[in-house]
């Protein structure tokens, strides 16, 4: 056989194979492009110190949150969402890393360092081709530039969402963190004119607060601030809609922790840890759906990564709840969340923390106050930060309760928020939803107390919590960058003297 027929035979086979190869390559490229185009844009709208259940979709009659309510109506309302720590920067560190706060060393405390050895989900998004940005409050308050970061751990900062949208690379999907602070106490709106349109007659006074003008004024100022939060969220939604991107965007609307009222922020009761959450993703989340599953904000990182098609790092202790959003059952029960705290403000002599570890289930809240000899709300006489009882911020409600603490009609309320607490607290939420009556010492609850105590201890062991060692007090020694309230008072007095 000569060489010519052999060559012709090879050419005929090659011509038959080429179309098949082309089809395979085209299909592969199309599949890849489809996968990339199906990756959602992701917007996280995270308010500061906005507490559950202060949203219309959650049944609050006074609040005005039409944008949150729309997101819930067009997506899913998560009715049992909790922050891992009732404090801003620790929760934000847990959101970014997907890890329990006690695994993050200094970052488990407020006004802390954040070491860049802890990987954040926005890094994984960037590596996968996402454009990342934020505005407002990112990871904060604390220091990061001195600890290995070239920018805020969230990513690149922009003056606003609109300015990010104006300059972003439109060939890439994007993640944007919108950190609104309108519900922070320093932005509460105290003028009566700011309360126009808010019906004061519908106010519900929480049973842990006295029904006095100072409390009612604080509630009105807060509700006016919540209205501003929702209006800001509306600007983000409007821009997405104007750019015809709303239906291609996974939109998450939530808060970092509870409100700055007595027994709220810095407390592991629901008033400090339970937060509103609504999520919209057209075509992926059924409209007007809701879930009673327990969700921790620590779960946001793995959920966002899974939605973007990125594997969850093994170091993350949070669990994706994307299946919940898709209306699927969870193979592992979501029947609880763990809560904790270390040093909030630096408000105890010796820079002492007030460590708590706890678990919230449907029927019970168990808290282990690991140093019950310390003041939970901070020393009665100001130490470094905020002032007297400095873990409670200075709303009119707080100022009234402290000033009138010995009055018989105020003292029970004062004790709930400011007085020392026993080592263990247990609340039966079936009869005590506001967590006011500690039943830990009642023999009838001993089996429940033992069971929940062991679940907390096991979680601590599983996640290598340094507090497994009962003598550990390392968080007392970490630096605090929040400043000294006496310095601020001195500056204020000097300005007044001029």
Protein backbone atom coordinates (compact mmCIF):
# COMPACT_ATOMS: atom_id res chain seq x y z
CA UNK A 1 0.00 0.00 0.00
CA UNK A 2 1.41 3.34 -1.07
CA UNK A 3 1.63 6.40 1.20
CA UNK A 4 -1.00 8.34 -0.76
CA UNK A 5 -4.05 6.17 0.10
CA UNK A 6 -2.98 6.10 3.75
CA UNK A 7 -2.80 9.90 3.85
CA UNK A 8 -6.19 10.20 2.14
CA UNK A 9 -7.70 7.79 4.67
CA UNK A 10 -6.34 9.83 7.57
CA UNK A 11 -7.66 13.03 5.97
CA UNK A 12 -11.16 11.52 5.63
CA UNK A 13 -11.18 10.47 9.33
CA UNK A 14 -9.86 13.86 10.39
CA UNK A 15 -12.64 15.62 8.47
CA UNK A 16 -15.22 13.47 10.24
CA UNK A 17 -13.73 14.16 13.68
CA UNK A 18 -13.30 17.94 13.35
CA UNK A 19 -17.05 18.78 13.44
CA UNK A 20 -17.47 16.62 16.54
CA UNK A 21 -14.57 18.38 18.27
CA UNK A 22 -15.95 21.77 17.30
CA UNK A 23 -19.38 20.88 18.69
CA UNK A 24 -17.80 19.72 21.95
CA UNK A 25 -15.71 22.87 22.27
CA UNK A 26 -18.64 25.14 21.44
CA UNK A 27 -20.85 23.33 23.95
CA UNK A 28 -18.16 23.57 26.59
CA UNK A 29 -17.65 27.29 26.02
CA UNK A 30 -21.40 27.90 25.96
CA UNK A 31 -21.79 25.98 29.20
CA UNK A 32 -19.03 28.04 30.79
CA UNK A 33 -20.54 31.31 29.57
CA UNK A 34 -23.96 30.25 30.80
CA UNK A 35 -22.54 29.36 34.20
CA UNK A 36 -20.75 32.71 34.41
CA UNK A 37 -23.78 34.67 33.23
CA UNK A 38 -25.99 32.90 35.79
CA UNK A 39 -23.83 34.07 38.67
CA UNK A 40 -25.86 36.72 40.44
CA UNK A 41 -24.83 40.18 41.39
CA UNK A 42 -25.02 40.33 45.18
CA UNK A 43 -25.95 43.32 47.33
CA UNK A 44 -25.83 43.11 51.12
CA UNK A 45 -27.72 45.94 52.76
CA UNK A 46 -26.69 45.86 56.42
CA UNK A 47 -28.09 48.36 58.91
CA UNK A 48 -26.40 49.26 62.18
CA UNK A 49 -28.18 48.42 65.46
CA UNK A 50 -31.60 47.65 63.95
CA UNK A 51 -33.50 45.13 66.00
CA UNK A 52 -36.16 42.48 65.40
CA UNK A 53 -39.16 42.79 65.05
CA UNK A 54 -39.06 46.40 63.89
CA UNK A 55 -40.27 45.95 60.32
CA UNK A 56 -43.75 46.02 58.86
CA UNK A 57 -43.37 42.51 57.45
CA UNK A 58 -42.61 41.31 60.99
CA UNK A 59 -45.81 42.79 62.38
CA UNK A 60 -44.61 46.07 63.89
CA UNK A 61 -47.52 48.52 63.68
CA UNK A 62 -45.49 51.69 64.19
CA UNK A 63 -42.48 51.23 61.94
CA UNK A 64 -42.38 52.30 58.28
CA UNK A 65 -40.30 49.90 56.18
CA UNK A 66 -41.95 49.62 52.74
CA UNK A 67 -38.70 48.60 51.02
CA UNK A 68 -37.93 45.81 53.49
CA UNK A 69 -41.55 44.70 53.21
CA UNK A 70 -41.27 44.66 49.42
CA UNK A 71 -38.14 42.51 49.54
CA UNK A 72 -39.94 40.11 51.88
CA UNK A 73 -43.03 40.08 49.63
CA UNK A 74 -41.00 39.44 46.48
CA UNK A 75 -38.64 37.00 48.18
CA UNK A 76 -38.25 35.30 51.56
CA UNK A 77 -38.68 36.56 55.11
CA UNK A 78 -36.26 34.86 57.51
CA UNK A 79 -38.12 35.05 60.81
CA UNK A 80 -35.37 33.60 63.02
CA UNK A 81 -32.21 35.41 62.02
CA UNK A 82 -29.64 36.17 64.71
CA UNK A 83 -26.28 37.86 64.91
CA UNK A 84 -23.52 35.75 66.50
CA UNK A 85 -22.36 38.56 68.80
CA UNK A 86 -24.48 41.52 70.00
CA UNK A 87 -21.71 43.94 69.02
CA UNK A 88 -20.80 45.61 65.72
CA UNK A 89 -17.24 44.74 64.73
CA UNK A 90 -17.27 41.15 66.10
CA UNK A 91 -20.43 40.33 64.16
CA UNK A 92 -19.04 41.95 61.02
CA UNK A 93 -15.85 39.92 61.39
CA UNK A 94 -17.94 36.75 61.69
CA UNK A 95 -19.98 37.74 58.63
CA UNK A 96 -16.81 38.28 56.59
CA UNK A 97 -14.99 35.14 57.71
CA UNK A 98 -17.94 32.82 58.20
CA UNK A 99 -16.38 31.83 61.52
CA UNK A 100 -17.32 31.90 65.19
CA UNK A 101 -16.10 35.10 66.80
CA UNK A 102 -14.03 33.31 69.44
CA UNK A 103 -11.93 31.85 66.61
CA UNK A 104 -10.88 35.33 65.50
CA UNK A 105 -8.67 36.35 68.45
CA UNK A 106 -8.86 40.14 69.02
CA UNK A 107 -11.65 40.54 66.47
CA UNK A 108 -14.10 38.91 68.88
CA UNK A 109 -14.20 42.26 70.70
CA UNK A 110 -15.40 45.74 69.76
CA UNK A 111 -12.87 48.40 68.70
CA UNK A 112 -10.33 45.67 68.10
CA UNK A 113 -7.57 44.76 65.68
CA UNK A 114 -8.55 42.58 62.71
CA UNK A 115 -5.64 40.39 61.57
CA UNK A 116 -5.45 39.76 57.83
CA UNK A 117 -4.52 36.11 58.40
CA UNK A 118 -8.27 35.55 58.64
CA UNK A 119 -9.60 35.13 55.11
CA UNK A 120 -12.79 36.94 54.16
CA UNK A 121 -15.42 35.88 51.64
CA UNK A 122 -14.94 39.02 49.55
CA UNK A 123 -11.41 37.81 48.72
CA UNK A 124 -12.84 34.58 47.30
CA UNK A 125 -15.39 36.57 45.28
CA UNK A 126 -12.67 38.77 43.79
CA UNK A 127 -10.58 35.73 42.89
CA UNK A 128 -13.60 34.27 41.11
CA UNK A 129 -14.04 37.38 38.94
CA UNK A 130 -16.42 39.49 41.02
CA UNK A 131 -16.00 43.21 41.39
CA UNK A 132 -16.27 44.10 45.07
CA UNK A 133 -17.01 47.38 46.82
CA UNK A 134 -18.69 48.92 49.82
CA UNK A 135 -20.00 52.19 51.16
CA UNK A 136 -20.72 53.41 54.67
CA UNK A 137 -19.80 51.11 57.53
CA UNK A 138 -17.71 48.16 56.40
CA UNK A 139 -15.76 46.21 58.99
CA UNK A 140 -15.85 48.67 61.86
CA UNK A 141 -15.11 49.91 64.45
CA UNK A 142 -11.49 48.90 64.94
CA UNK A 143 -8.11 48.96 63.21
CA UNK A 144 -6.99 46.96 60.19
CA UNK A 145 -4.37 48.92 58.20
CA UNK A 146 -1.82 48.25 60.94
CA UNK A 147 -2.63 44.53 60.81
CA UNK A 148 -1.81 43.62 57.22
CA UNK A 149 -4.76 44.98 55.24
CA UNK A 150 -4.31 47.50 52.43
CA UNK A 151 -7.97 48.51 52.59
CA UNK A 152 -11.04 47.74 54.66
CA UNK A 153 -11.47 43.94 54.95
CA UNK A 154 -14.73 44.24 53.02
CA UNK A 155 -12.97 45.67 49.96
CA UNK A 156 -12.67 48.96 48.12
CA UNK A 157 -14.65 51.85 49.57
CA UNK A 158 -16.89 54.08 47.43
CA UNK A 159 -18.76 57.25 48.40
CA UNK A 160 -22.05 55.62 47.43
CA UNK A 161 -23.62 52.70 45.60
CA UNK A 162 -24.39 55.02 42.69
CA UNK A 163 -20.73 55.94 42.30
CA UNK A 164 -19.70 52.29 42.40
CA UNK A 165 -22.23 51.51 39.68
CA UNK A 166 -20.95 54.39 37.56
CA UNK A 167 -17.37 53.10 37.42
CA UNK A 168 -17.69 49.31 37.80
CA UNK A 169 -16.56 46.90 35.11
CA UNK A 170 -19.86 45.93 33.51
CA UNK A 171 -18.39 42.69 32.17
CA UNK A 172 -18.13 41.34 35.72
CA UNK A 173 -20.71 40.34 38.30
CA UNK A 174 -20.46 42.45 41.43
CA UNK A 175 -20.79 42.23 45.17
CA UNK A 176 -21.61 45.41 47.07
CA UNK A 177 -21.82 45.89 50.84
CA UNK A 178 -24.05 48.83 51.74
CA UNK A 179 -23.35 49.64 55.39
CA UNK A 180 -26.03 52.04 56.58
CA UNK A 181 -25.67 53.71 60.01
CA UNK A 182 -28.90 55.71 60.25
CA UNK A 183 -30.08 53.53 63.15
CA UNK A 184 -26.90 54.19 65.16
CA UNK A 185 -27.80 56.18 68.29
CA UNK A 186 -25.81 59.23 67.26
CA UNK A 187 -28.12 59.53 64.23
CA UNK A 188 -31.41 59.04 66.02
CA UNK A 189 -33.83 61.83 65.22
CA UNK A 190 -34.95 63.66 68.34
CA UNK A 191 -36.95 66.55 66.88
CA UNK A 192 -40.71 66.18 66.83
CA UNK A 193 -40.68 67.29 63.19
CA UNK A 194 -38.64 64.19 62.36
CA UNK A 195 -41.47 62.05 63.70
CA UNK A 196 -44.11 63.37 61.29
CA UNK A 197 -46.19 60.54 59.92
CA UNK A 198 -45.22 58.10 62.68
CA UNK A 199 -48.25 57.27 64.82
CA UNK A 200 -47.15 57.52 68.45
CA UNK A 201 -50.43 55.97 69.60
CA UNK A 202 -49.35 52.63 68.16
CA UNK A 203 -46.12 52.42 70.18
CA UNK A 204 -45.62 49.19 72.08
CA UNK A 205 -43.48 49.67 75.17
CA UNK A 206 -41.30 46.58 75.70
CA UNK A 207 -41.99 45.02 79.13
CA UNK A 208 -38.37 45.48 80.19
CA UNK A 209 -38.67 49.29 79.91
CA UNK A 210 -40.80 51.70 81.96
CA UNK A 211 -43.61 53.52 80.20
CA UNK A 212 -42.34 57.08 80.69
CA UNK A 213 -41.81 60.03 78.31
CA UNK A 214 -38.04 59.43 78.04
CA UNK A 215 -38.68 55.88 76.77
CA UNK A 216 -41.41 56.97 74.37
CA UNK A 217 -39.18 59.73 72.99
CA UNK A 218 -36.37 57.22 72.51
CA UNK A 219 -38.69 54.87 70.63
CA UNK A 220 -39.91 57.66 68.35
CA UNK A 221 -36.35 58.79 67.64
CA UNK A 222 -35.39 55.21 66.81
CA UNK A 223 -38.40 54.61 64.56
CA UNK A 224 -37.62 57.78 62.63
CA UNK A 225 -34.09 56.45 62.14
CA UNK A 226 -35.41 53.08 60.91
CA UNK A 227 -37.48 54.97 58.34
CA UNK A 228 -34.29 56.61 57.08
CA UNK A 229 -32.59 53.22 56.82
CA UNK A 230 -35.40 51.94 54.66
CA UNK A 231 -35.37 54.98 52.42
CA UNK A 232 -31.66 54.48 51.84
CA UNK A 233 -32.29 50.85 50.93
CA UNK A 234 -34.91 52.08 48.50
CA UNK A 235 -32.30 54.11 46.63
CA UNK A 236 -30.26 50.95 46.11
CA UNK A 237 -33.29 49.01 44.87
CA UNK A 238 -34.30 51.86 42.57
CA UNK A 239 -30.84 52.02 41.01
CA UNK A 240 -30.81 48.28 40.38
CA UNK A 241 -34.25 48.52 38.83
CA UNK A 242 -33.30 51.51 36.66
CA UNK A 243 -30.27 49.57 35.38
CA UNK A 244 -32.48 46.50 34.76
CA UNK A 245 -30.32 44.50 37.17
CA UNK A 246 -32.73 43.92 40.04
CA UNK A 247 -33.84 40.50 38.79
CA UNK A 248 -30.22 39.40 38.31
CA UNK A 249 -29.27 40.41 41.84
CA UNK A 250 -29.33 38.46 45.08
CA UNK A 251 -30.45 41.17 47.51
CA UNK A 252 -29.94 40.61 51.25
CA UNK A 253 -31.42 43.13 53.70
CA UNK A 254 -30.56 42.75 57.39
CA UNK A 255 -28.84 44.29 60.44
CA UNK A 256 -25.67 43.60 62.40
CA UNK A 257 -27.18 43.42 65.91
CA UNK A 258 -29.93 44.69 68.19
CA UNK A 259 -30.83 48.25 69.12
CA UNK A 260 -29.06 50.65 71.49
CA UNK A 261 -31.69 50.56 74.19
CA UNK A 262 -31.16 49.13 77.69
CA UNK A 263 -31.04 45.30 77.54
CA UNK A 264 -30.41 45.52 73.77
CA UNK A 265 -26.98 45.97 72.20
CA UNK A 266 -24.20 44.06 74.04
CA UNK A 267 -26.75 41.64 75.54
CA UNK A 268 -27.29 38.05 74.39
CA UNK A 269 -31.04 38.31 74.86
CA UNK A 270 -33.12 38.50 71.67
CA UNK A 271 -33.14 42.28 72.03
CA UNK A 272 -29.40 42.23 71.32
CA UNK A 273 -29.10 39.32 68.90
CA UNK A 274 -32.27 38.86 66.87
CA UNK A 275 -32.36 40.84 63.63
CA UNK A 276 -34.70 41.39 60.67
CA UNK A 277 -33.76 39.63 57.44
CA UNK A 278 -35.37 39.48 53.99
CA UNK A 279 -33.78 38.14 50.80
CA UNK A 280 -34.86 38.51 47.18
CA UNK A 281 -33.56 36.61 44.14
CA UNK A 282 -35.97 36.58 41.22
CA UNK A 283 -36.62 33.08 39.90
CA UNK A 284 -34.57 31.43 42.62
CA UNK A 285 -36.55 32.38 45.73
CA UNK A 286 -40.32 32.01 45.77
CA UNK A 287 -42.19 35.25 46.30
CA UNK A 288 -43.97 35.77 49.62
CA UNK A 289 -42.15 32.83 51.15
CA UNK A 290 -40.86 32.63 54.71
CA UNK A 291 -38.69 30.35 56.78
CA UNK A 292 -38.71 29.67 60.53
CA UNK A 293 -35.27 28.03 60.35
CA UNK A 294 -32.60 29.43 62.63
CA UNK A 295 -30.08 31.50 60.66
CA UNK A 296 -26.90 33.07 62.03
CA UNK A 297 -25.27 35.97 60.23
CA UNK A 298 -22.16 33.77 60.30
CA UNK A 299 -24.00 31.71 57.67
CA UNK A 300 -23.99 34.57 55.16
CA UNK A 301 -20.42 33.96 53.91
CA UNK A 302 -20.92 30.32 52.86
CA UNK A 303 -24.36 31.17 51.44
CA UNK A 304 -23.00 34.00 49.31
CA UNK A 305 -20.10 31.86 48.10
CA UNK A 306 -22.40 28.99 47.14
CA UNK A 307 -24.70 31.37 45.25
CA UNK A 308 -21.63 32.58 43.33
CA UNK A 309 -20.58 28.99 42.55
CA UNK A 310 -17.56 29.04 44.89
CA UNK A 311 -16.65 26.21 47.23
CA UNK A 312 -16.93 27.02 50.92
CA UNK A 313 -13.55 26.98 52.73
CA UNK A 314 -13.22 24.31 55.39
CA UNK A 315 -12.33 26.89 58.06
CA UNK A 316 -15.83 28.38 57.99
CA UNK A 317 -18.09 27.29 60.84
CA UNK A 318 -21.15 28.87 59.23
CA UNK A 319 -23.42 26.76 57.00
CA UNK A 320 -24.91 27.85 53.72
CA UNK A 321 -28.68 28.24 53.80
CA UNK A 322 -29.05 28.52 50.03
CA UNK A 323 -31.16 25.36 50.08
CA UNK A 324 -33.55 27.07 52.50
CA UNK A 325 -33.84 30.01 50.12
CA UNK A 326 -34.62 27.57 47.31
CA UNK A 327 -37.41 26.07 49.41
CA UNK A 328 -35.63 22.79 50.04
CA UNK A 329 -35.38 20.95 53.33
CA UNK A 330 -32.10 21.00 55.24
CA UNK A 331 -30.39 17.68 55.87
CA UNK A 332 -29.20 19.05 59.22
CA UNK A 333 -31.72 20.55 61.60
CA UNK A 334 -31.59 24.32 61.89
CA UNK A 335 -33.13 24.29 65.33
CA UNK A 336 -30.74 26.63 67.15
CA UNK A 337 -28.08 29.31 66.97
CA UNK A 338 -25.15 29.86 69.30
CA UNK A 339 -24.52 33.35 70.68
CA UNK A 340 -21.54 34.81 72.49
CA UNK A 341 -19.77 37.99 73.49
CA UNK A 342 -16.46 39.18 74.83
CA UNK A 343 -15.49 42.78 75.57
CA UNK A 344 -17.94 45.22 74.06
CA UNK A 345 -16.89 48.69 75.19
CA UNK A 346 -13.96 49.01 77.62
CA UNK A 347 -16.13 49.75 80.62
CA UNK A 348 -14.74 47.72 83.56
CA UNK A 349 -11.77 48.42 85.77
CA UNK A 350 -8.82 46.36 84.56
CA UNK A 351 -10.17 46.47 80.95
CA UNK A 352 -12.25 43.39 81.77
CA UNK A 353 -14.52 41.60 79.34
CA UNK A 354 -17.95 40.20 80.19
CA UNK A 355 -17.82 36.80 78.48
CA UNK A 356 -21.02 34.95 77.61
CA UNK A 357 -21.65 31.74 75.69
CA UNK A 358 -25.21 30.64 74.95
CA UNK A 359 -27.70 28.86 72.76
CA UNK A 360 -31.10 29.97 71.45
CA UNK A 361 -33.63 27.29 70.45
CA UNK A 362 -37.31 27.58 69.62
CA UNK A 363 -38.40 27.16 73.23
CA UNK A 364 -35.41 28.22 75.32
CA UNK A 365 -32.56 30.66 75.71
CA UNK A 366 -29.63 29.45 77.80
CA UNK A 367 -26.80 31.84 78.73
CA UNK A 368 -23.59 31.10 80.59
CA UNK A 369 -22.26 34.28 82.20
CA UNK A 370 -18.69 33.16 82.68
CA UNK A 371 -17.63 36.01 84.99
CA UNK A 372 -20.78 36.77 87.02
CA UNK A 373 -18.84 38.81 89.56
CA UNK A 374 -18.49 41.57 86.93
CA UNK A 375 -21.08 44.18 86.01
CA UNK A 376 -22.83 43.09 82.77
CA UNK A 377 -23.58 46.67 81.73
CA UNK A 378 -20.17 47.97 82.78
CA UNK A 379 -18.95 49.47 86.05
CA UNK A 380 -21.36 51.91 87.74
CA UNK A 381 -18.58 54.51 87.60
CA UNK A 382 -17.19 55.01 84.10
CA UNK A 383 -13.87 53.31 83.34
CA UNK A 384 -12.60 54.12 79.82
CA UNK A 385 -15.42 54.10 77.28
CA UNK A 386 -18.88 55.68 77.08
CA UNK A 387 -19.33 56.46 80.79
CA UNK A 388 -21.20 54.94 83.74
CA UNK A 389 -22.68 51.53 82.88
CA UNK A 390 -20.96 52.04 79.55
CA UNK A 391 -22.09 48.88 77.77
CA UNK A 392 -25.49 50.58 77.54
CA UNK A 393 -25.39 53.57 75.22
CA UNK A 394 -26.75 56.93 76.31
CA UNK A 395 -30.30 57.13 75.02
CA UNK A 396 -32.82 59.22 76.95
CA UNK A 397 -34.26 55.92 78.18
CA UNK A 398 -30.93 54.91 79.76
CA UNK A 399 -30.31 58.32 81.31
CA UNK A 400 -33.75 58.28 82.92
CA UNK A 401 -33.41 54.73 84.26
CA UNK A 402 -29.99 55.39 85.80
CA UNK A 403 -31.07 58.69 87.33
CA UNK A 404 -34.22 57.12 88.81
CA UNK A 405 -32.74 53.71 89.63
CA UNK A 406 -33.77 53.77 93.29
CA UNK A 407 -37.36 54.78 92.63
CA UNK A 408 -39.64 51.81 93.43
CA UNK A 409 -41.45 52.05 90.09
CA UNK A 410 -38.17 52.11 88.13
CA UNK A 411 -35.90 49.77 90.11
CA UNK A 412 -37.26 46.48 88.64
CA UNK A 413 -36.56 47.80 85.14
CA UNK A 414 -33.16 49.09 86.18
CA UNK A 415 -32.17 45.73 87.65
CA UNK A 416 -33.06 43.88 84.43
CA UNK A 417 -30.62 45.97 82.40
CA UNK A 418 -27.89 47.06 84.81
CA UNK A 419 -27.59 44.81 87.87
CA UNK A 420 -25.34 41.76 88.22
CA UNK A 421 -26.58 38.42 86.93
CA UNK A 422 -26.18 34.80 88.04
CA UNK A 423 -23.75 32.48 86.30
CA UNK A 424 -26.50 30.73 84.36
CA UNK A 425 -29.71 32.05 82.87
CA UNK A 426 -32.49 29.96 81.36
CA UNK A 427 -35.67 31.38 79.85
CA UNK A 428 -38.73 29.40 78.81
CA UNK A 429 -39.83 31.26 75.70
CA UNK A 430 -43.18 29.48 75.56
CA UNK A 431 -44.37 31.44 78.59
CA UNK A 432 -41.74 34.20 78.69
CA UNK A 433 -40.97 35.39 75.15
CA UNK A 434 -39.31 38.58 76.42
CA UNK A 435 -36.85 36.61 78.57
CA UNK A 436 -37.57 38.29 81.87
CA UNK A 437 -37.89 35.36 84.32
CA UNK A 438 -34.78 33.27 84.85
CA UNK A 439 -35.81 29.65 85.62
CA UNK A 440 -32.30 28.18 85.78
CA UNK A 441 -32.62 27.48 89.52
CA UNK A 442 -35.97 25.70 89.24
CA UNK A 443 -35.70 21.92 89.62
CA UNK A 444 -38.35 21.28 86.99
CA UNK A 445 -36.02 22.75 84.37
CA UNK A 446 -32.91 20.83 85.45
CA UNK A 447 -32.99 18.36 82.51
CA UNK A 448 -33.30 21.21 80.00
CA UNK A 449 -30.59 23.20 81.74
CA UNK A 450 -28.19 20.26 81.67
CA UNK A 451 -28.90 19.48 78.03
CA UNK A 452 -28.41 23.04 76.80
CA UNK A 453 -25.36 23.55 79.00
CA UNK A 454 -23.72 20.50 77.42
CA UNK A 455 -24.60 21.66 73.88
CA UNK A 456 -22.83 24.95 74.54
CA UNK A 457 -19.80 23.21 76.06
CA UNK A 458 -19.61 20.82 73.10
CA UNK A 459 -19.81 23.70 70.62
CA UNK A 460 -16.97 25.39 72.45
CA UNK A 461 -14.88 22.23 72.26
CA UNK A 462 -15.70 21.61 68.61
CA UNK A 463 -14.74 25.16 67.61
CA UNK A 464 -11.63 25.33 69.83
CA UNK A 465 -12.90 28.18 71.97
CA UNK A 466 -10.07 29.39 74.24
CA UNK A 467 -12.65 29.72 77.01
CA UNK A 468 -12.77 25.92 77.27
CA UNK A 469 -9.99 26.64 79.75
CA UNK A 470 -11.98 28.17 82.65
CA UNK A 471 -9.07 30.37 83.67
CA UNK A 472 -8.59 31.97 80.23
CA UNK A 473 -9.12 35.74 80.19
CA UNK A 474 -7.07 36.65 77.12
CA UNK A 475 -9.60 39.11 75.75
CA UNK A 476 -9.02 41.37 78.76
CA UNK A 477 -5.47 41.95 77.51
CA UNK A 478 -6.14 42.78 73.87
CA UNK A 479 -5.85 46.46 72.84
CA UNK A 480 -8.93 48.66 72.76
CA UNK A 481 -9.03 51.56 70.31
CA UNK A 482 -12.32 53.19 71.28
CA UNK A 483 -10.83 56.12 73.17
CA UNK A 484 -11.51 57.49 76.63
CA UNK A 485 -14.79 59.24 77.36
CA UNK A 486 -13.02 61.60 79.75
CA UNK A 487 -10.84 62.84 76.89
CA UNK A 488 -13.92 63.59 74.83
CA UNK A 489 -15.56 65.35 77.77
CA UNK A 490 -12.43 67.45 78.25
CA UNK A 491 -12.47 68.49 74.59
CA UNK A 492 -16.15 69.30 74.82
CA UNK A 493 -15.65 71.44 77.94
CA UNK A 494 -12.70 73.24 76.36
CA UNK A 495 -14.81 74.12 73.30
CA UNK A 496 -17.62 75.35 75.55
CA UNK A 497 -15.19 77.49 77.58
CA UNK A 498 -14.14 79.34 74.45
